[in-house]
Amino acid sequence: MLTCGFTDECLASFTGKRFDITQIPDVYDSCKYDLQRNGHLNLDELDELFKVAQLLADGVIPNEYGINPSQELKIGSKIARPLLGEIMIDLRNTSEEAFSVAEPKSTQDEPLK
């Protein structure tokens, strides 16, 4: 059981406080990772924390990328556009490097006219 145990006393101590729900997916991911890969550490309270984090994450994560198709497209575009731009730059640079390395070899192999 978590130290707090979600008792009335514990819940009362949170009254009127604001929480940053953007951290919920990180807590969920960290718990899941530790449960899968660090079970040998015997983190007894992690199971309960994971269950609570999973319940919260089920409500928060879908809203991170929009709650309707229009919002999902808008948010996804904002995330993907810079990444695709970087990929395009990397491909262009790689292509230019490949041609610059390949050209001297191909011109050396050709007979002079």
PDB file of N, CA and C in Angstrom:
ATOM      1  N   MET A   1       0.845  -1.179   0.000  1.00  0.00           N
ATOM      2  CA  MET A   1       0.000   0.000   0.000  1.00  0.00           C
ATOM      3  C   MET A   1       0.885   1.234   0.000  1.00  0.00           C
ATOM      4  N   LEU A   2       0.457   2.235  -0.706  1.00  0.00           N
ATOM      5  CA  LEU A   2       1.223   3.473  -0.727  1.00  0.00           C
ATOM      6  C   LEU A   2       1.252   4.094   0.652  1.00  0.00           C
ATOM      7  N   THR A   3       2.305   4.825   0.923  1.00  0.00           N
ATOM      8  CA  THR A   3       2.463   5.451   2.228  1.00  0.00           C
ATOM      9  C   THR A   3       1.223   6.253   2.595  1.00  0.00           C
ATOM     10  N   CYS A   4       0.715   6.979   1.638  1.00  0.00           N
ATOM     11  CA  CYS A   4      -0.465   7.812   1.871  1.00  0.00           C
ATOM     12  C   CYS A   4      -1.705   6.941   2.044  1.00  0.00           C
ATOM     13  N   GLY A   5      -1.828   5.912   1.245  1.00  0.00           N
ATOM     14  CA  GLY A   5      -2.940   4.987   1.353  1.00  0.00           C
ATOM     15  C   GLY A   5      -4.279   5.545   0.899  1.00  0.00           C
ATOM     16  N   PHE A   6      -4.315   6.750   0.371  1.00  0.00           N
ATOM     17  CA  PHE A   6      -5.545   7.381  -0.110  1.00  0.00           C
ATOM     18  C   PHE A   6      -6.635   7.406   0.954  1.00  0.00           C
ATOM     19  N   THR A   7      -6.248   7.660   2.181  1.00  0.00           N
ATOM     20  CA  THR A   7      -7.214   7.777   3.266  1.00  0.00           C
ATOM     21  C   THR A   7      -7.852   9.152   3.210  1.00  0.00           C
ATOM     22  N   ASP A   8      -8.895   9.345   4.008  1.00  0.00           N
ATOM     23  CA  ASP A   8      -9.542  10.655   4.052  1.00  0.00           C
ATOM     24  C   ASP A   8      -8.560  11.742   4.465  1.00  0.00           C
ATOM     25  N   GLU A   9      -7.667  11.429   5.406  1.00  0.00           N
ATOM     26  CA  GLU A   9      -6.652  12.394   5.837  1.00  0.00           C
ATOM     27  C   GLU A   9      -5.757  12.788   4.681  1.00  0.00           C
ATOM     28  N   CYS A  10      -5.346  11.790   3.934  1.00  0.00           N
ATOM     29  CA  CYS A  10      -4.452  12.028   2.805  1.00  0.00           C
ATOM     30  C   CYS A  10      -5.138  12.887   1.760  1.00  0.00           C
ATOM     31  N   LEU A  11      -6.352  12.520   1.399  1.00  0.00           N
ATOM     32  CA  LEU A  11      -7.088  13.279   0.388  1.00  0.00           C
ATOM     33  C   LEU A  11      -7.367  14.702   0.849  1.00  0.00           C
ATOM     34  N   ALA A  12      -7.619  14.880   2.135  1.00  0.00           N
ATOM     35  CA  ALA A  12      -7.867  16.223   2.662  1.00  0.00           C
ATOM     36  C   ALA A  12      -6.630  17.097   2.544  1.00  0.00           C
ATOM     37  N   SER A  13      -5.449  16.489   2.628  1.00  0.00           N
ATOM     38  CA  SER A  13      -4.219  17.280   2.537  1.00  0.00           C
ATOM     39  C   SER A  13      -4.010  17.836   1.131  1.00  0.00           C
ATOM     40  N   PHE A  14      -4.693  17.278   0.132  1.00  0.00           N
ATOM     41  CA  PHE A  14      -4.560  17.763  -1.235  1.00  0.00           C
ATOM     42  C   PHE A  14      -5.623  18.797  -1.614  1.00  0.00           C
ATOM     43  N   THR A  15      -6.568  19.050  -0.756  1.00  0.00           N
ATOM     44  CA  THR A  15      -7.665  19.956  -1.066  1.00  0.00           C
ATOM     45  C   THR A  15      -7.134  21.333  -1.439  1.00  0.00           C
ATOM     46  N   GLY A  16      -7.614  21.843  -2.550  1.00  0.00           N
ATOM     47  CA  GLY A  16      -7.251  23.186  -2.983  1.00  0.00           C
ATOM     48  C   GLY A  16      -5.905  23.289  -3.672  1.00  0.00           C
ATOM     49  N   LYS A  17      -5.184  22.200  -3.821  1.00  0.00           N
ATOM     50  CA  LYS A  17      -3.880  22.238  -4.482  1.00  0.00           C
ATOM     51  C   LYS A  17      -4.051  21.891  -5.957  1.00  0.00           C
ATOM     52  N   ARG A  18      -3.160  22.436  -6.775  1.00  0.00           N
ATOM     53  CA  ARG A  18      -3.179  22.162  -8.212  1.00  0.00           C
ATOM     54  C   ARG A  18      -2.105  21.128  -8.541  1.00  0.00           C
ATOM     55  N   PHE A  19      -2.413  20.281  -9.501  1.00  0.00           N
ATOM     56  CA  PHE A  19      -1.478  19.246  -9.897  1.00  0.00           C
ATOM     57  C   PHE A  19      -1.168  19.385 -11.375  1.00  0.00           C
ATOM     58  N   ASP A  20       0.045  19.073 -11.742  1.00  0.00           N
ATOM     59  CA  ASP A  20       0.469  19.121 -13.134  1.00  0.00           C
ATOM     60  C   ASP A  20       0.201  17.757 -13.761  1.00  0.00           C
ATOM     61  N   ILE A  21      -0.919  17.645 -14.467  1.00  0.00           N
ATOM     62  CA  ILE A  21      -1.300  16.345 -15.026  1.00  0.00           C
ATOM     63  C   ILE A  21      -0.416  15.935 -16.198  1.00  0.00           C
ATOM     64  N   THR A  22       0.418  16.849 -16.690  1.00  0.00           N
ATOM     65  CA  THR A  22       1.302  16.474 -17.792  1.00  0.00           C
ATOM     66  C   THR A  22       2.369  15.484 -17.346  1.00  0.00           C
ATOM     67  N   GLN A  23       2.549  15.321 -16.043  1.00  0.00           N
ATOM     68  CA  GLN A  23       3.548  14.388 -15.526  1.00  0.00           C
ATOM     69  C   GLN A  23       3.009  12.961 -15.401  1.00  0.00           C
ATOM     70  N   ILE A  24       1.701  12.801 -15.511  1.00  0.00           N
ATOM     71  CA  ILE A  24       1.091  11.480 -15.341  1.00  0.00           C
ATOM     72  C   ILE A  24       1.637  10.462 -16.348  1.00  0.00           C
ATOM     73  N   PRO A  25       1.726  10.784 -17.645  1.00  0.00           N
ATOM     74  CA  PRO A  25       2.285   9.792 -18.575  1.00  0.00           C
ATOM     75  C   PRO A  25       3.720   9.396 -18.225  1.00  0.00           C
ATOM     76  N   ASP A  26       4.511  10.349 -17.722  1.00  0.00           N
ATOM     77  CA  ASP A  26       5.890  10.023 -17.335  1.00  0.00           C
ATOM     78  C   ASP A  26       5.925   9.081 -16.144  1.00  0.00           C
ATOM     79  N   VAL A  27       5.063   9.326 -15.166  1.00  0.00           N
ATOM     80  CA  VAL A  27       4.997   8.446 -13.996  1.00  0.00           C
ATOM     81  C   VAL A  27       4.554   7.048 -14.433  1.00  0.00           C
ATOM     82  N   TYR A  28       3.537   7.003 -15.284  1.00  0.00           N
ATOM     83  CA  TYR A  28       3.040   5.726 -15.790  1.00  0.00           C
ATOM     84  C   TYR A  28       4.140   4.965 -16.531  1.00  0.00           C
ATOM     85  N   ASP A  29       4.840   5.656 -17.447  1.00  0.00           N
ATOM     86  CA  ASP A  29       5.907   5.010 -18.214  1.00  0.00           C
ATOM     87  C   ASP A  29       7.030   4.521 -17.314  1.00  0.00           C
ATOM     88  N   SER A  30       7.404   5.333 -16.335  1.00  0.00           N
ATOM     89  CA  SER A  30       8.479   4.949 -15.417  1.00  0.00           C
ATOM     90  C   SER A  30       8.098   3.737 -14.586  1.00  0.00           C
ATOM     91  N   CYS A  31       6.876   3.730 -14.083  1.00  0.00           N
ATOM     92  CA  CYS A  31       6.408   2.578 -13.291  1.00  0.00           C
ATOM     93  C   CYS A  31       6.390   1.314 -14.141  1.00  0.00           C
ATOM     94  N   LYS A  32       5.856   1.444 -15.347  1.00  0.00           N
ATOM     95  CA  LYS A  32       5.769   0.288 -16.240  1.00  0.00           C
ATOM     96  C   LYS A  32       7.162  -0.251 -16.557  1.00  0.00           C
ATOM     97  N   TYR A  33       8.088   0.647 -16.849  1.00  0.00           N
ATOM     98  CA  TYR A  33       9.460   0.249 -17.152  1.00  0.00           C
ATOM     99  C   TYR A  33      10.079  -0.487 -15.965  1.00  0.00           C
ATOM    100  N   ASP A  34       9.938   0.101 -14.771  1.00  0.00           N
ATOM    101  CA  ASP A  34      10.537  -0.517 -13.586  1.00  0.00           C
ATOM    102  C   ASP A  34       9.904  -1.864 -13.262  1.00  0.00           C
ATOM    103  N   LEU A  35       8.603  -1.980 -13.438  1.00  0.00           N
ATOM    104  CA  LEU A  35       7.951  -3.271 -13.180  1.00  0.00           C
ATOM    105  C   LEU A  35       8.441  -4.337 -14.153  1.00  0.00           C
ATOM    106  N   GLN A  36       8.646  -3.950 -15.406  1.00  0.00           N
ATOM    107  CA  GLN A  36       9.073  -4.912 -16.416  1.00  0.00           C
ATOM    108  C   GLN A  36      10.551  -5.276 -16.305  1.00  0.00           C
ATOM    109  N   ARG A  37      11.389  -4.292 -15.987  1.00  0.00           N
ATOM    110  CA  ARG A  37      12.828  -4.526 -16.071  1.00  0.00           C
ATOM    111  C   ARG A  37      13.560  -4.547 -14.738  1.00  0.00           C
ATOM    112  N   ASN A  38      12.908  -4.069 -13.679  1.00  0.00           N
ATOM    113  CA  ASN A  38      13.585  -3.995 -12.386  1.00  0.00           C
ATOM    114  C   ASN A  38      12.813  -4.710 -11.289  1.00  0.00           C
ATOM    115  N   GLY A  39      12.138  -5.790 -11.658  1.00  0.00           N
ATOM    116  CA  GLY A  39      11.378  -6.560 -10.683  1.00  0.00           C
ATOM    117  C   GLY A  39      12.241  -7.129  -9.572  1.00  0.00           C
ATOM    118  N   HIS A  40      13.501  -7.330  -9.871  1.00  0.00           N
ATOM    119  CA  HIS A  40      14.429  -7.886  -8.885  1.00  0.00           C
ATOM    120  C   HIS A  40      14.703  -6.922  -7.734  1.00  0.00           C
ATOM    121  N   LEU A  41      14.298  -5.669  -7.857  1.00  0.00           N
ATOM    122  CA  LEU A  41      14.531  -4.691  -6.798  1.00  0.00           C
ATOM    123  C   LEU A  41      13.484  -4.755  -5.691  1.00  0.00           C
ATOM    124  N   ASN A  42      12.439  -5.573  -5.897  1.00  0.00           N
ATOM    125  CA  ASN A  42      11.368  -5.738  -4.912  1.00  0.00           C
ATOM    126  C   ASN A  42      10.773  -4.398  -4.464  1.00  0.00           C
ATOM    127  N   LEU A  43      10.330  -3.628  -5.427  1.00  0.00           N
ATOM    128  CA  LEU A  43       9.691  -2.348  -5.136  1.00  0.00           C
ATOM    129  C   LEU A  43       8.229  -2.626  -4.808  1.00  0.00           C
ATOM    130  N   ASP A  44       7.965  -2.900  -3.525  1.00  0.00           N
ATOM    131  CA  ASP A  44       6.656  -3.381  -3.088  1.00  0.00           C
ATOM    132  C   ASP A  44       5.508  -2.439  -3.432  1.00  0.00           C
ATOM    133  N   GLU A  45       5.686  -1.160  -3.238  1.00  0.00           N
ATOM    134  CA  GLU A  45       4.591  -0.208  -3.439  1.00  0.00           C
ATOM    135  C   GLU A  45       4.409   0.191  -4.904  1.00  0.00           C
ATOM    136  N   LEU A  46       5.297  -0.265  -5.757  1.00  0.00           N
ATOM    137  CA  LEU A  46       5.238   0.133  -7.156  1.00  0.00           C
ATOM    138  C   LEU A  46       4.009  -0.420  -7.869  1.00  0.00           C
ATOM    139  N   ASP A  47       3.568  -1.621  -7.498  1.00  0.00           N
ATOM    140  CA  ASP A  47       2.378  -2.199  -8.140  1.00  0.00           C
ATOM    141  C   ASP A  47       1.164  -1.299  -7.960  1.00  0.00           C
ATOM    142  N   GLU A  48       0.956  -0.834  -6.732  1.00  0.00           N
ATOM    143  CA  GLU A  48      -0.205   0.013  -6.475  1.00  0.00           C
ATOM    144  C   GLU A  48      -0.054   1.367  -7.163  1.00  0.00           C
ATOM    145  N   LEU A  49       1.138   1.923  -7.131  1.00  0.00           N
ATOM    146  CA  LEU A  49       1.380   3.194  -7.807  1.00  0.00           C
ATOM    147  C   LEU A  49       1.125   3.050  -9.297  1.00  0.00           C
ATOM    148  N   PHE A  50       1.560   1.925  -9.875  1.00  0.00           N
ATOM    149  CA  PHE A  50       1.337   1.681 -11.294  1.00  0.00           C
ATOM    150  C   PHE A  50      -0.152   1.613 -11.609  1.00  0.00           C
ATOM    151  N   LYS A  51      -0.927   0.935 -10.783  1.00  0.00           N
ATOM    152  CA  LYS A  51      -2.371   0.823 -11.023  1.00  0.00           C
ATOM    153  C   LYS A  51      -3.041   2.190 -11.001  1.00  0.00           C
ATOM    154  N   VAL A  52      -2.658   3.028 -10.034  1.00  0.00           N
ATOM    155  CA  VAL A  52      -3.233   4.371  -9.951  1.00  0.00           C
ATOM    156  C   VAL A  52      -2.777   5.205 -11.147  1.00  0.00           C
ATOM    157  N   ALA A  53      -1.488   5.126 -11.483  1.00  0.00           N
ATOM    158  CA  ALA A  53      -0.953   5.883 -12.611  1.00  0.00           C
ATOM    159  C   ALA A  53      -1.616   5.440 -13.913  1.00  0.00           C
ATOM    160  N   GLN A  54      -1.883   4.151 -14.033  1.00  0.00           N
ATOM    161  CA  GLN A  54      -2.529   3.636 -15.239  1.00  0.00           C
ATOM    162  C   GLN A  54      -3.951   4.172 -15.373  1.00  0.00           C
ATOM    163  N   LEU A  55      -4.683   4.191 -14.272  1.00  0.00           N
ATOM    164  CA  LEU A  55      -6.040   4.741 -14.308  1.00  0.00           C
ATOM    165  C   LEU A  55      -6.028   6.212 -14.706  1.00  0.00           C
ATOM    166  N   LEU A  56      -5.117   6.966 -14.128  1.00  0.00           N
ATOM    167  CA  LEU A  56      -5.002   8.386 -14.476  1.00  0.00           C
ATOM    168  C   LEU A  56      -4.537   8.557 -15.916  1.00  0.00           C
ATOM    169  N   ALA A  57      -3.573   7.752 -16.329  1.00  0.00           N
ATOM    170  CA  ALA A  57      -3.038   7.850 -17.684  1.00  0.00           C
ATOM    171  C   ALA A  57      -4.100   7.516 -18.726  1.00  0.00           C
ATOM    172  N   ASP A  58      -4.978   6.572 -18.407  1.00  0.00           N
ATOM    173  CA  ASP A  58      -6.043   6.222 -19.352  1.00  0.00           C
ATOM    174  C   ASP A  58      -6.935   7.417 -19.664  1.00  0.00           C
ATOM    175  N   GLY A  59      -7.032   8.339 -18.726  1.00  0.00           N
ATOM    176  CA  GLY A  59      -7.827   9.539 -18.969  1.00  0.00           C
ATOM    177  C   GLY A  59      -7.036  10.688 -19.556  1.00  0.00           C
ATOM    178  N   VAL A  60      -5.749  10.747 -19.237  1.00  0.00           N
ATOM    179  CA  VAL A  60      -4.932  11.885 -19.653  1.00  0.00           C
ATOM    180  C   VAL A  60      -4.284  11.675 -21.020  1.00  0.00           C
ATOM    181  N   ILE A  61      -3.719  10.510 -21.256  1.00  0.00           N
ATOM    182  CA  ILE A  61      -2.940  10.280 -22.473  1.00  0.00           C
ATOM    183  C   ILE A  61      -3.745  10.491 -23.750  1.00  0.00           C
ATOM    184  N   PRO A  62      -4.973   9.989 -23.854  1.00  0.00           N
ATOM    185  CA  PRO A  62      -5.711  10.242 -25.093  1.00  0.00           C
ATOM    186  C   PRO A  62      -5.935  11.734 -25.360  1.00  0.00           C
ATOM    187  N   ASN A  63      -6.011  12.528 -24.320  1.00  0.00           N
ATOM    188  CA  ASN A  63      -6.228  13.963 -24.499  1.00  0.00           C
ATOM    189  C   ASN A  63      -4.963  14.724 -24.849  1.00  0.00           C
ATOM    190  N   GLU A  64      -3.812  14.089 -24.705  1.00  0.00           N
ATOM    191  CA  GLU A  64      -2.553  14.752 -25.054  1.00  0.00           C
ATOM    192  C   GLU A  64      -2.503  15.081 -26.534  1.00  0.00           C
ATOM    193  N   TYR A  65      -3.092  14.249 -27.334  1.00  0.00           N
ATOM    194  CA  TYR A  65      -3.035  14.430 -28.781  1.00  0.00           C
ATOM    195  C   TYR A  65      -4.404  14.749 -29.365  1.00  0.00           C
ATOM    196  N   GLY A  66      -5.270  15.356 -28.575  1.00  0.00           N
ATOM    197  CA  GLY A  66      -6.578  15.776 -29.049  1.00  0.00           C
ATOM    198  C   GLY A  66      -7.665  14.787 -28.694  1.00  0.00           C
ATOM    199  N   ILE A  67      -8.895  15.305 -28.644  1.00  0.00           N
ATOM    200  CA  ILE A  67     -10.012  14.430 -28.297  1.00  0.00           C
ATOM    201  C   ILE A  67     -10.960  14.231 -29.463  1.00  0.00           C
ATOM    202  N   ASN A  68     -10.677  14.877 -30.578  1.00  0.00           N
ATOM    203  CA  ASN A  68     -11.458  14.615 -31.782  1.00  0.00           C
ATOM    204  C   ASN A  68     -10.499  14.619 -32.972  1.00  0.00           C
ATOM    205  N   PRO A  69     -10.919  14.091 -34.115  1.00  0.00           N
ATOM    206  CA  PRO A  69     -10.004  13.976 -35.263  1.00  0.00           C
ATOM    207  C   PRO A  69      -9.372  15.307 -35.688  1.00  0.00           C
ATOM    208  N   SER A  70     -10.115  16.377 -35.610  1.00  0.00           N
ATOM    209  CA  SER A  70      -9.568  17.674 -36.008  1.00  0.00           C
ATOM    210  C   SER A  70      -8.422  18.098 -35.096  1.00  0.00           C
ATOM    211  N   GLN A  71      -8.614  17.950 -33.788  1.00  0.00           N
ATOM    212  CA  GLN A  71      -7.559  18.297 -32.833  1.00  0.00           C
ATOM    213  C   GLN A  71      -6.366  17.363 -32.984  1.00  0.00           C
ATOM    214  N   GLU A  72      -6.636  16.086 -33.197  1.00  0.00           N
ATOM    215  CA  GLU A  72      -5.555  15.120 -33.363  1.00  0.00           C
ATOM    216  C   GLU A  72      -4.685  15.480 -34.566  1.00  0.00           C
ATOM    217  N   LEU A  73      -5.327  15.865 -35.671  1.00  0.00           N
ATOM    218  CA  LEU A  73      -4.594  16.253 -36.876  1.00  0.00           C
ATOM    219  C   LEU A  73      -3.769  17.509 -36.629  1.00  0.00           C
ATOM    220  N   LYS A  74      -4.358  18.477 -35.967  1.00  0.00           N
ATOM    221  CA  LYS A  74      -3.658  19.735 -35.696  1.00  0.00           C
ATOM    222  C   LYS A  74      -2.449  19.508 -34.789  1.00  0.00           C
ATOM    223  N   ILE A  75      -2.634  18.768 -33.705  1.00  0.00           N
ATOM    224  CA  ILE A  75      -1.547  18.510 -32.759  1.00  0.00           C
ATOM    225  C   ILE A  75      -0.495  17.608 -33.405  1.00  0.00           C
ATOM    226  N   GLY A  76      -0.941  16.575 -34.095  1.00  0.00           N
ATOM    227  CA  GLY A  76      -0.007  15.673 -34.778  1.00  0.00           C
ATOM    228  C   GLY A  76       0.831  16.395 -35.814  1.00  0.00           C
ATOM    229  N   SER A  77       0.219  17.332 -36.538  1.00  0.00           N
ATOM    230  CA  SER A  77       0.951  18.112 -37.533  1.00  0.00           C
ATOM    231  C   SER A  77       2.017  18.983 -36.890  1.00  0.00           C
ATOM    232  N   LYS A  78       1.672  19.590 -35.766  1.00  0.00           N
ATOM    233  CA  LYS A  78       2.641  20.436 -35.067  1.00  0.00           C
ATOM    234  C   LYS A  78       3.837  19.623 -34.584  1.00  0.00           C
ATOM    235  N   ILE A  79       3.591  18.376 -34.206  1.00  0.00           N
ATOM    236  CA  ILE A  79       4.672  17.514 -33.731  1.00  0.00           C
ATOM    237  C   ILE A  79       5.466  16.954 -34.907  1.00  0.00           C
ATOM    238  N   ALA A  80       4.772  16.507 -35.946  1.00  0.00           N
ATOM    239  CA  ALA A  80       5.426  15.803 -37.047  1.00  0.00           C
ATOM    240  C   ALA A  80       6.164  16.734 -38.005  1.00  0.00           C
ATOM    241  N   ARG A  81       5.665  17.931 -38.226  1.00  0.00           N
ATOM    242  CA  ARG A  81       6.260  18.832 -39.217  1.00  0.00           C
ATOM    243  C   ARG A  81       7.749  19.096 -38.945  1.00  0.00           C
ATOM    244  N   PRO A  82       8.128  19.497 -37.727  1.00  0.00           N
ATOM    245  CA  PRO A  82       9.566  19.717 -37.483  1.00  0.00           C
ATOM    246  C   PRO A  82      10.396  18.441 -37.610  1.00  0.00           C
ATOM    247  N   LEU A  83       9.834  17.314 -37.192  1.00  0.00           N
ATOM    248  CA  LEU A  83      10.562  16.050 -37.306  1.00  0.00           C
ATOM    249  C   LEU A  83      10.776  15.670 -38.761  1.00  0.00           C
ATOM    250  N   LEU A  84       9.740  15.832 -39.589  1.00  0.00           N
ATOM    251  CA  LEU A  84       9.875  15.527 -41.010  1.00  0.00           C
ATOM    252  C   LEU A  84      10.861  16.471 -41.681  1.00  0.00           C
ATOM    253  N   GLY A  85      10.868  17.728 -41.249  1.00  0.00           N
ATOM    254  CA  GLY A  85      11.832  18.690 -41.784  1.00  0.00           C
ATOM    255  C   GLY A  85      13.261  18.249 -41.499  1.00  0.00           C
ATOM    256  N   GLU A  86      13.508  17.796 -40.284  1.00  0.00           N
ATOM    257  CA  GLU A  86      14.840  17.308 -39.914  1.00  0.00           C
ATOM    258  C   GLU A  86      15.214  16.071 -40.727  1.00  0.00           C
ATOM    259  N   ILE A  87      14.259  15.184 -40.946  1.00  0.00           N
ATOM    260  CA  ILE A  87      14.518  13.983 -41.750  1.00  0.00           C
ATOM    261  C   ILE A  87      14.877  14.372 -43.177  1.00  0.00           C
ATOM    262  N   MET A  88      14.152  15.329 -43.734  1.00  0.00           N
ATOM    263  CA  MET A  88      14.424  15.780 -45.106  1.00  0.00           C
ATOM    264  C   MET A  88      15.827  16.387 -45.207  1.00  0.00           C
ATOM    265  N   ILE A  89      16.208  17.193 -44.222  1.00  0.00           N
ATOM    266  CA  ILE A  89      17.549  17.794 -44.221  1.00  0.00           C
ATOM    267  C   ILE A  89      18.606  16.700 -44.144  1.00  0.00           C
ATOM    268  N   ASP A  90      18.395  15.722 -43.260  1.00  0.00           N
ATOM    269  CA  ASP A  90      19.355  14.623 -43.128  1.00  0.00           C
ATOM    270  C   ASP A  90      19.468  13.823 -44.422  1.00  0.00           C
ATOM    271  N   LEU A  91      18.339  13.565 -45.072  1.00  0.00           N
ATOM    272  CA  LEU A  91      18.366  12.823 -46.341  1.00  0.00           C
ATOM    273  C   LEU A  91      19.101  13.607 -47.419  1.00  0.00           C
ATOM    274  N   ARG A  92      18.848  14.901 -47.496  1.00  0.00           N
ATOM    275  CA  ARG A  92      19.517  15.748 -48.488  1.00  0.00           C
ATOM    276  C   ARG A  92      21.029  15.752 -48.239  1.00  0.00           C
ATOM    277  N   ASN A  93      21.433  15.931 -46.972  1.00  0.00           N
ATOM    278  CA  ASN A  93      22.861  15.941 -46.641  1.00  0.00           C
ATOM    279  C   ASN A  93      23.515  14.605 -46.947  1.00  0.00           C
ATOM    280  N   THR A  94      22.823  13.530 -46.626  1.00  0.00           N
ATOM    281  CA  THR A  94      23.358  12.195 -46.892  1.00  0.00           C
ATOM    282  C   THR A  94      23.496  11.960 -48.385  1.00  0.00           C
ATOM    283  N   SER A  95      22.496  12.396 -49.148  1.00  0.00           N
ATOM    284  CA  SER A  95      22.527  12.245 -50.597  1.00  0.00           C
ATOM    285  C   SER A  95      23.683  13.028 -51.193  1.00  0.00           C
ATOM    286  N   GLU A  96      23.863  14.277 -50.763  1.00  0.00           N
ATOM    287  CA  GLU A  96      24.954  15.107 -51.276  1.00  0.00           C
ATOM    288  C   GLU A  96      26.307  14.492 -50.927  1.00  0.00           C
ATOM    289  N   GLU A  97      26.444  13.979 -49.701  1.00  0.00           N
ATOM    290  CA  GLU A  97      27.698  13.349 -49.294  1.00  0.00           C
ATOM    291  C   GLU A  97      27.969  12.098 -50.127  1.00  0.00           C
ATOM    292  N   ALA A  98      26.926  11.319 -50.374  1.00  0.00           N
ATOM    293  CA  ALA A  98      27.090  10.089 -51.144  1.00  0.00           C
ATOM    294  C   ALA A  98      27.540  10.409 -52.564  1.00  0.00           C
ATOM    295  N   PHE A  99      26.947  11.443 -53.172  1.00  0.00           N
ATOM    296  CA  PHE A  99      27.335  11.810 -54.537  1.00  0.00           C
ATOM    297  C   PHE A  99      28.749  12.382 -54.580  1.00  0.00           C
ATOM    298  N   SER A 100      29.099  13.183 -53.584  1.00  0.00           N
ATOM    299  CA  SER A 100      30.440  13.776 -53.590  1.00  0.00           C
ATOM    300  C   SER A 100      31.514  12.712 -53.376  1.00  0.00           C
ATOM    301  N   VAL A 101      31.220  11.690 -52.632  1.00  0.00           N
ATOM    302  CA  VAL A 101      32.183  10.605 -52.418  1.00  0.00           C
ATOM    303  C   VAL A 101      32.230   9.697 -53.642  1.00  0.00           C
ATOM    304  N   ALA A 102      31.102   9.480 -54.291  1.00  0.00           N
ATOM    305  CA  ALA A 102      31.031   8.558 -55.419  1.00  0.00           C
ATOM    306  C   ALA A 102      31.578   9.182 -56.700  1.00  0.00           C
ATOM    307  N   GLU A 103      31.461  10.474 -56.887  1.00  0.00           N
ATOM    308  CA  GLU A 103      31.871  11.107 -58.145  1.00  0.00           C
ATOM    309  C   GLU A 103      33.348  10.938 -58.465  1.00  0.00           C
ATOM    310  N   PRO A 104      34.255  11.194 -57.544  1.00  0.00           N
ATOM    311  CA  PRO A 104      35.663  11.047 -57.908  1.00  0.00           C
ATOM    312  C   PRO A 104      36.011   9.628 -58.342  1.00  0.00           C
ATOM    313  N   LYS A 105      35.421   8.649 -57.730  1.00  0.00           N
ATOM    314  CA  LYS A 105      35.706   7.260 -58.101  1.00  0.00           C
ATOM    315  C   LYS A 105      35.206   6.969 -59.502  1.00  0.00           C
ATOM    316  N   SER A 106      34.003   7.447 -59.820  1.00  0.00           N
ATOM    317  CA  SER A 106      33.441   7.138 -61.133  1.00  0.00           C
ATOM    318  C   SER A 106      34.194   7.875 -62.230  1.00  0.00           C
ATOM    319  N   THR A 107      34.681   9.095 -61.985  1.00  0.00           N
ATOM    320  CA  THR A 107      35.419   9.815 -63.017  1.00  0.00           C
ATOM    321  C   THR A 107      36.809   9.234 -63.204  1.00  0.00           C
ATOM    322  N   GLN A 108      37.382   8.628 -62.177  1.00  0.00           N
ATOM    323  CA  GLN A 108      38.693   8.015 -62.303  1.00  0.00           C
ATOM    324  C   GLN A 108      38.626   6.736 -63.138  1.00  0.00           C
ATOM    325  N   ASP A 109      37.500   6.035 -63.018  1.00  0.00           N
ATOM    326  CA  ASP A 109      37.357   4.782 -63.733  1.00  0.00           C
ATOM    327  C   ASP A 109      37.083   4.987 -65.221  1.00  0.00           C
ATOM    328  N   GLU A 110      36.545   6.136 -65.606  1.00  0.00           N
ATOM    329  CA  GLU A 110      36.197   6.383 -66.994  1.00  0.00           C
ATOM    330  C   GLU A 110      37.472   6.711 -67.798  1.00  0.00           C
ATOM    331  N   PRO A 111      37.550   6.185 -69.003  1.00  0.00           N
ATOM    332  CA  PRO A 111      38.724   6.518 -69.844  1.00  0.00           C
ATOM    333  C   PRO A 111      38.617   7.965 -70.324  1.00  0.00           C
ATOM    334  N   LEU A 112      39.736   8.590 -70.450  1.00  0.00           N
ATOM    335  CA  LEU A 112      39.787   9.972 -70.931  1.00  0.00           C
ATOM    336  C   LEU A 112      39.504  10.006 -72.413  1.00  0.00           C
ATOM    337  N   LYS A 113      38.818  11.047 -72.878  1.00  0.00           N
ATOM    338  CA  LYS A 113      38.483  11.146 -74.305  1.00  0.00           C
ATOM    339  C   LYS A 113      39.344  12.161 -74.975  1.00  0.00           C
TER     340      LYS A 113
END
